[in-house]
């Protein structure tokens, strides 16, 4: 299946941030009115209106999956948001395009949206499940001005592999292994399911939040250049096992340590949280 499509996220200017915070305080916490979704919708509108950017959205695509789904995403630029919800029967994919050429180039921004393209494919997995493959690309010579944002709501999530840049990666309720690589946007992985496979989260100029329950078995190796590593363990057996541990490095074993967790970023903070309810957070995470 081939289609076309985006939206974009950036570090929020102070004037916009203050306005958004006040509006989000009046919003509920779940579904399509969650603080995360409402904040970013409001931000997109304000950002586009004040800075003159043009954006466009494509239709919502439903994929008949019925059961466990693995997801592979390779995007040239943009946010990737993936949520597992076992109450769902099928997967929903939303992709939107955005061009950010700036003042004086509004017509170029609008016209360049047609040069952003993507493909969505659903194929059978090795164990009778389904795999969703998503690719985005552009033919525009100034691709750094463009974004292809991806949002996926799926049934039970197994393996998730995401590679993007200039965008955040949010992965919620995964059951299997996770790999996520991005730049200039935060990575957040949080799940109430115990780890059963390895996790790799790599970033540049963005934070990393890793949040799991205390039944997990993990050997955690976290390091940042130009930031801090902070940790909180409220549940499970927790051992610090490296004499080099400090404000920018953490090597620790959770329970038996059977699965490797590698966390790396540059010019960003890393927060490791082992808590009873890992997904119970707001739009912003300040403490582990």
Protein backbone atom coordinates (compact mmCIF):
# COMPACT_ATOMS: atom_id res chain seq x y z
CA UNK A 1 0.00 0.00 0.00
CA UNK A 2 1.36 3.40 -0.94
CA UNK A 3 -0.01 6.70 0.20
CA UNK A 4 1.14 10.23 0.89
CA UNK A 5 1.50 12.37 4.00
CA UNK A 6 2.88 14.94 8.34
CA UNK A 7 3.20 17.29 11.37
CA UNK A 8 6.36 18.33 13.24
CA UNK A 9 7.64 18.92 16.74
CA UNK A 10 10.41 21.25 17.83
CA UNK A 11 11.67 22.66 21.04
CA UNK A 12 8.88 24.98 22.14
CA UNK A 13 9.71 28.70 22.34
CA UNK A 14 9.09 30.21 25.77
CA UNK A 15 6.17 32.39 24.67
CA UNK A 16 4.34 29.40 23.16
CA UNK A 17 5.23 27.12 26.06
CA UNK A 18 3.61 29.38 28.66
CA UNK A 19 0.41 29.61 26.64
CA UNK A 20 0.26 25.85 26.13
CA UNK A 21 0.80 25.00 29.79
CA UNK A 22 -2.12 27.16 30.85
CA UNK A 23 -4.41 25.56 28.25
CA UNK A 24 -3.37 21.99 29.04
CA UNK A 25 -4.25 22.45 32.71
CA UNK A 26 -7.89 22.62 31.66
CA UNK A 27 -7.78 19.38 29.66
CA UNK A 28 -8.61 15.80 30.69
CA UNK A 29 -5.97 13.07 30.84
CA UNK A 30 -7.06 10.26 28.52
CA UNK A 31 -7.87 9.38 24.93
CA UNK A 32 -7.78 11.96 22.17
CA UNK A 33 -8.06 14.70 24.81
CA UNK A 34 -4.93 13.61 26.67
CA UNK A 35 -2.47 16.38 27.61
CA UNK A 36 0.11 14.96 25.18
CA UNK A 37 -2.19 15.10 22.17
CA UNK A 38 -3.92 18.35 23.06
CA UNK A 39 -0.64 20.11 23.83
CA UNK A 40 0.88 19.16 20.50
CA UNK A 41 -2.27 20.06 18.53
CA UNK A 42 -2.35 23.47 20.19
CA UNK A 43 1.39 23.88 19.67
CA UNK A 44 1.14 23.01 15.98
CA UNK A 45 -1.57 25.57 15.42
CA UNK A 46 0.24 28.32 17.32
CA UNK A 47 3.62 27.50 15.78
CA UNK A 48 2.28 27.44 12.23
CA UNK A 49 0.25 30.59 12.76
CA UNK A 50 3.01 32.62 14.36
CA UNK A 51 5.92 31.42 12.26
CA UNK A 52 4.14 31.02 8.94
CA UNK A 53 4.68 27.33 8.30
CA UNK A 54 2.33 25.25 6.17
CA UNK A 55 1.19 21.74 7.11
CA UNK A 56 -1.06 19.04 5.68
CA UNK A 57 -2.58 15.77 6.91
CA UNK A 58 -3.56 12.54 5.16
CA UNK A 59 -6.36 10.14 5.94
CA UNK A 60 -6.33 7.67 8.83
CA UNK A 61 -5.46 4.15 7.65
CA UNK A 62 -6.83 1.05 9.38
CA UNK A 63 -4.96 -2.26 9.14
CA UNK A 64 -6.65 -5.58 9.94
CA UNK A 65 -4.26 -7.16 12.45
CA UNK A 66 -6.45 -8.71 15.20
CA UNK A 67 -3.58 -9.78 17.44
CA UNK A 68 0.04 -9.07 18.36
CA UNK A 69 1.80 -6.59 16.10
CA UNK A 70 5.48 -5.80 15.51
CA UNK A 71 6.39 -2.43 14.02
CA UNK A 72 9.32 -1.30 11.87
CA UNK A 73 9.64 2.41 11.04
CA UNK A 74 12.30 4.11 8.93
CA UNK A 75 11.63 7.82 8.54
CA UNK A 76 13.84 10.54 7.09
CA UNK A 77 12.58 13.12 9.64
CA UNK A 78 9.75 13.48 12.14
CA UNK A 79 8.01 12.23 15.27
CA UNK A 80 7.05 8.60 15.80
CA UNK A 81 4.36 7.85 18.40
CA UNK A 82 3.40 4.21 18.99
CA UNK A 83 0.81 3.06 21.52
CA UNK A 84 -0.28 -0.48 22.34
CA UNK A 85 -3.86 -1.03 23.50
CA UNK A 86 -5.03 -4.60 23.96
CA UNK A 87 -8.66 -3.52 23.76
CA UNK A 88 -8.15 -2.72 20.08
CA UNK A 89 -8.85 -5.24 17.32
CA UNK A 90 -6.98 -3.50 14.51
CA UNK A 91 -4.17 -1.01 14.06
CA UNK A 92 -4.67 2.64 13.11
CA UNK A 93 -1.90 4.60 11.32
CA UNK A 94 -1.88 8.37 10.93
CA UNK A 95 0.84 10.09 8.91
CA UNK A 96 1.08 13.82 8.34
CA UNK A 97 3.46 15.99 6.32
CA UNK A 98 4.97 19.32 7.27
CA UNK A 99 7.33 21.78 5.59
CA UNK A 100 9.19 24.37 7.64
CA UNK A 101 10.85 26.72 5.17
CA UNK A 102 10.01 29.80 7.25
CA UNK A 103 9.29 33.43 6.56
CA UNK A 104 9.29 34.49 2.93
CA UNK A 105 9.06 30.92 1.63
CA UNK A 106 5.42 30.03 2.31
CA UNK A 107 4.66 29.00 -1.26
CA UNK A 108 7.74 26.78 -1.35
CA UNK A 109 6.66 25.12 1.88
CA UNK A 110 3.20 24.35 0.56
CA UNK A 111 4.45 23.05 -2.79
CA UNK A 112 7.17 20.91 -1.21
CA UNK A 113 4.62 18.80 0.70
CA UNK A 114 3.93 16.87 -2.51
CA UNK A 115 7.56 15.73 -2.52
CA UNK A 116 7.11 13.89 0.79
CA UNK A 117 5.94 10.31 0.33
CA UNK A 118 5.57 7.13 2.35
CA UNK A 119 4.66 3.46 2.19
CA UNK A 120 2.73 1.31 4.65
CA UNK A 121 2.86 -2.48 4.37
CA UNK A 122 1.27 -5.20 6.50
CA UNK A 123 2.90 -8.63 6.30
CA UNK A 124 2.75 -11.88 8.28
CA UNK A 125 5.38 -12.38 10.97
CA UNK A 126 7.39 -15.50 11.71
CA UNK A 127 5.16 -16.63 14.60
CA UNK A 128 1.74 -16.05 13.08
CA UNK A 129 1.54 -12.40 14.14
CA UNK A 130 1.63 -9.33 11.90
CA UNK A 131 4.38 -6.84 11.09
CA UNK A 132 3.72 -3.25 10.05
CA UNK A 133 6.48 -1.74 7.90
CA UNK A 134 6.43 2.04 7.42
CA UNK A 135 8.89 4.07 5.33
CA UNK A 136 8.97 7.79 4.63
CA UNK A 137 11.14 9.73 2.20
CA UNK A 138 11.33 12.99 0.27
CA UNK A 139 12.61 14.15 -3.10
CA UNK A 140 13.11 17.71 -1.88
CA UNK A 141 16.75 18.91 -1.97
CA UNK A 142 16.32 20.67 1.40
CA UNK A 143 14.96 17.73 3.35
CA UNK A 144 16.02 19.31 6.67
CA UNK A 145 12.99 21.60 6.28
CA UNK A 146 10.56 18.70 6.04
CA UNK A 147 8.93 16.23 8.42
CA UNK A 148 6.80 13.09 8.11
CA UNK A 149 5.17 12.41 11.48
CA UNK A 150 3.82 8.96 12.27
CA UNK A 151 1.25 8.00 14.90
CA UNK A 152 0.24 4.35 15.44
CA UNK A 153 -2.39 2.84 17.74
CA UNK A 154 -2.13 -0.95 17.71
CA UNK A 155 -3.26 -4.04 19.64
CA UNK A 156 -0.65 -5.89 21.70
CA UNK A 157 2.82 -4.62 20.71
CA UNK A 158 5.67 -7.06 20.26
CA UNK A 159 8.97 -5.86 18.77
CA UNK A 160 9.32 -2.18 17.89
CA UNK A 161 12.15 -0.78 15.75
CA UNK A 162 12.18 2.96 14.99
CA UNK A 163 14.76 5.02 13.13
CA UNK A 164 14.10 8.70 12.53
CA UNK A 165 15.69 12.11 13.08
CA UNK A 166 14.53 15.61 13.99
CA UNK A 167 11.66 14.18 16.00
CA UNK A 168 10.60 12.55 19.23
CA UNK A 169 9.89 8.83 19.71
CA UNK A 170 7.21 7.74 22.18
CA UNK A 171 6.59 4.00 22.68
CA UNK A 172 3.95 2.87 25.18
CA UNK A 173 2.86 -0.63 26.29
CA UNK A 174 5.35 -2.71 24.31
CA UNK A 175 5.68 -6.40 25.20
CA UNK A 176 8.83 -7.21 23.22
CA UNK A 177 12.21 -5.73 22.42
CA UNK A 178 12.57 -2.08 21.47
CA UNK A 179 15.13 -0.24 19.38
CA UNK A 180 14.79 3.50 18.83
CA UNK A 181 17.21 5.97 17.24
CA UNK A 182 16.51 9.68 16.75
CA UNK A 183 17.99 13.17 17.12
CA UNK A 184 16.73 16.57 18.27
CA UNK A 185 13.72 15.05 20.01
CA UNK A 186 13.12 13.06 23.20
CA UNK A 187 12.76 9.27 23.42
CA UNK A 188 10.24 7.87 25.87
CA UNK A 189 9.72 4.12 26.35
CA UNK A 190 7.32 3.04 29.08
CA UNK A 191 5.52 -0.25 29.55
CA UNK A 192 3.69 -2.14 32.30
CA UNK A 193 4.94 -5.47 30.90
CA UNK A 194 8.14 -7.14 32.18
CA UNK A 195 11.07 -7.05 29.77
CA UNK A 196 11.44 -10.21 27.70
CA UNK A 197 13.94 -8.90 25.12
CA UNK A 198 16.74 -6.35 24.83
CA UNK A 199 16.22 -2.58 24.55
CA UNK A 200 18.41 -0.03 22.74
CA UNK A 201 17.58 3.70 22.88
CA UNK A 202 20.02 6.12 21.19
CA UNK A 203 19.56 9.87 20.90
CA UNK A 204 21.34 13.13 20.08
CA UNK A 205 20.34 16.45 21.68
CA UNK A 206 17.33 14.93 23.37
CA UNK A 207 16.36 13.21 26.63
CA UNK A 208 15.66 9.51 27.20
CA UNK A 209 13.03 8.15 29.61
CA UNK A 210 13.04 4.40 30.30
CA UNK A 211 10.16 3.30 32.56
CA UNK A 212 9.32 -0.33 33.46
CA UNK A 213 7.87 -2.38 36.30
CA UNK A 214 9.95 -4.08 38.98
CA UNK A 215 9.37 -7.64 37.71
CA UNK A 216 11.69 -6.94 34.78
CA UNK A 217 15.14 -8.51 34.51
CA UNK A 218 17.57 -6.02 33.05
CA UNK A 219 21.23 -5.12 32.91
CA UNK A 220 21.03 -1.35 32.42
CA UNK A 221 23.89 0.59 30.84
CA UNK A 222 23.08 4.32 30.58
CA UNK A 223 25.47 7.10 29.62
CA UNK A 224 25.18 10.70 28.42
CA UNK A 225 27.62 13.33 27.22
CA UNK A 226 26.59 16.80 28.34
CA UNK A 227 23.69 15.71 30.52
CA UNK A 228 22.76 13.77 33.66
CA UNK A 229 21.63 10.22 34.40
CA UNK A 230 19.04 9.92 37.15
CA UNK A 231 17.41 6.77 38.52
CA UNK A 232 14.63 5.65 40.81
CA UNK A 233 13.86 2.04 41.77
CA UNK A 234 10.77 1.49 43.93
CA UNK A 235 10.40 -2.21 43.25
CA UNK A 236 12.67 -5.20 42.58
CA UNK A 237 16.26 -6.04 43.43
CA UNK A 238 18.53 -3.16 42.36
CA UNK A 239 22.33 -3.28 42.39
CA UNK A 240 24.78 -0.61 41.23
CA UNK A 241 27.62 -2.64 39.72
CA UNK A 242 30.17 -0.22 38.26
CA UNK A 243 32.62 1.92 40.22
CA UNK A 244 32.52 4.49 37.39
CA UNK A 245 28.87 5.31 38.06
CA UNK A 246 28.34 9.04 38.42
CA UNK A 247 26.11 11.89 37.36
CA UNK A 248 26.53 11.05 33.66
CA UNK A 249 26.77 7.24 33.84
CA UNK A 250 24.78 4.38 35.34
CA UNK A 251 25.40 0.64 35.19
CA UNK A 252 22.95 -1.32 37.32
CA UNK A 253 21.34 -4.74 37.54
CA UNK A 254 17.60 -5.16 38.03
CA UNK A 255 16.76 -8.58 39.47
CA UNK A 256 18.58 -11.31 37.48
CA UNK A 257 19.70 -8.93 34.72
CA UNK A 258 18.84 -11.28 31.87
CA UNK A 259 18.10 -8.62 29.24
CA UNK A 260 20.41 -5.83 28.09
CA UNK A 261 19.20 -2.22 28.16
CA UNK A 262 21.51 0.26 26.40
CA UNK A 263 20.70 3.97 26.76
CA UNK A 264 22.84 6.63 25.08
CA UNK A 265 22.42 10.34 24.37
CA UNK A 266 24.45 13.49 23.76
CA UNK A 267 23.38 16.88 25.19
CA UNK A 268 20.42 15.30 26.94
CA UNK A 269 19.39 13.68 30.22
CA UNK A 270 18.55 10.03 30.89
CA UNK A 271 15.92 9.03 33.46
CA UNK A 272 15.53 5.39 34.55
CA UNK A 273 12.37 4.59 36.52
CA UNK A 274 11.47 1.20 38.02
CA UNK A 275 8.00 1.87 39.41
CA UNK A 276 4.66 0.07 39.92
CA UNK A 277 2.84 2.16 37.29
CA UNK A 278 5.35 3.19 34.58
CA UNK A 279 2.80 4.76 32.22
CA UNK A 280 1.29 7.06 34.86
CA UNK A 281 3.07 10.26 33.76
CA UNK A 282 2.07 13.60 32.28
CA UNK A 283 3.18 15.38 29.16
CA UNK A 284 6.48 16.39 30.74
CA UNK A 285 8.77 14.23 32.91
CA UNK A 286 11.09 16.11 35.24
CA UNK A 287 12.01 13.50 37.86
CA UNK A 288 12.54 9.77 37.27
